[in-house]
Structure formats: C-alpha cells, structure tokens
Amino acid sequence: MASICQGKSSWPELLGVDGKCAVATIERENPLVEAIIVPEGSSILANFRCDRVRVWVDKDGIVYIVPVIG
C-alpha cells in the first residue's frame, strides 16, 4: 500500500538512539515533518498527520519505538 504522505516515513534505524539526535535526523531526512519528543507514558491524541513524527523516548531519553509519520 502506498503512503499518502510524502518523503521518508519510518526510521527503524533510530531505535536505541538519543531522542534529540533522532529528532534532528528525522527533520533533516524529511523536511516536510516536525519530529516531537514524547516521554514514555504520555497521553496523546490519536489523530493522523502527515507532518508529524512522534519520537517516543524512555526515562533516559532513548528512542524505544520506531518513529513513523502520524
């Protein structure tokens, strides 16, 4: 299935990386999105947006879920 969003849409290589570094990488590789750090356990609105990537980080600031557009 083709994505409705433009540009790179998934960053599995960022698992285990520092969240701030992941944000910089995502925004460099797809300038159409804004990457947002989300601390583990946070509540979020479950809406889909092509211009957003949530970067889920643990208590140490390390990415623990593959960042994807949404």
Protein backbone atom coordinates (compact mmCIF):
# COMPACT_ATOMS: atom_id res chain seq x y z
CA MET A 1 0.00 0.00 0.00
CA ALA A 2 1.38 3.40 -0.95
CA SER A 3 1.69 6.06 1.70
CA ILE A 4 -0.38 9.21 1.36
CA CYS A 5 2.45 11.16 2.98
CA GLN A 6 5.48 12.46 1.10
CA GLY A 7 9.11 11.62 1.83
CA LYS A 8 10.63 9.12 4.20
CA SER A 9 8.01 7.84 6.64
CA SER A 10 9.76 5.41 9.02
CA TRP A 11 13.08 5.43 10.88
CA PRO A 12 13.79 1.94 12.33
CA GLU A 13 17.50 2.73 12.42
CA LEU A 14 16.83 5.26 15.22
CA LEU A 15 15.81 2.65 17.82
CA GLY A 16 18.18 2.98 20.76
CA VAL A 17 19.38 6.46 19.72
CA ASP A 18 19.19 9.63 21.85
CA GLY A 19 15.82 11.32 21.25
CA LYS A 20 17.24 14.76 20.42
CA CYS A 21 19.59 13.22 17.86
CA ALA A 22 16.65 11.27 16.40
CA VAL A 23 14.60 14.48 16.03
CA ALA A 24 17.44 16.18 14.15
CA THR A 25 17.90 13.15 11.86
CA ILE A 26 14.18 12.85 11.06
CA GLU A 27 13.75 16.54 10.27
CA ARG A 28 16.90 16.50 8.10
CA GLU A 29 15.79 13.41 6.16
CA ASN A 30 12.20 14.62 5.69
CA PRO A 31 11.88 18.42 5.94
CA LEU A 32 8.09 18.12 5.50
CA VAL A 33 7.66 16.80 9.05
CA GLU A 34 8.10 18.09 12.58
CA ALA A 35 9.53 15.49 14.95
CA ILE A 36 8.25 15.74 18.52
CA ILE A 37 9.76 14.03 21.57
CA VAL A 38 7.13 12.17 23.59
CA PRO A 39 8.16 10.81 27.01
CA GLU A 40 7.22 7.21 27.83
CA GLY A 41 3.76 7.01 29.42
CA SER A 42 2.48 10.26 27.90
CA SER A 43 -1.11 10.58 26.70
CA ILE A 44 -1.55 11.65 23.08
CA LEU A 45 -4.34 12.47 20.68
CA ALA A 46 -4.70 9.55 18.25
CA ASN A 47 -5.14 11.63 15.10
CA PHE A 48 -3.03 11.02 11.97
CA ARG A 49 -0.98 13.84 10.44
CA CYS A 50 1.48 13.66 7.54
CA ASP A 51 3.53 16.49 9.02
CA ARG A 52 4.29 14.89 12.40
CA VAL A 53 6.59 12.19 13.73
CA ARG A 54 6.35 11.23 17.38
CA VAL A 55 9.68 10.22 18.88
CA TRP A 56 8.89 8.06 21.91
CA VAL A 57 11.69 8.13 24.48
CA ASP A 58 12.24 6.27 27.74
CA LYS A 59 13.25 7.83 31.06
CA ASP A 60 16.83 8.12 29.80
CA GLY A 61 15.80 9.95 26.60
CA ILE A 62 16.42 6.93 24.35
CA VAL A 63 14.09 6.07 21.45
CA TYR A 64 12.23 2.81 22.24
CA ILE A 65 9.55 2.73 19.48
CA VAL A 66 10.30 3.06 15.76
CA PRO A 67 9.48 6.67 14.78
CA VAL A 68 6.87 6.85 11.99
CA ILE A 69 4.84 9.59 10.36
CA GLY A 70 1.48 10.04 12.01
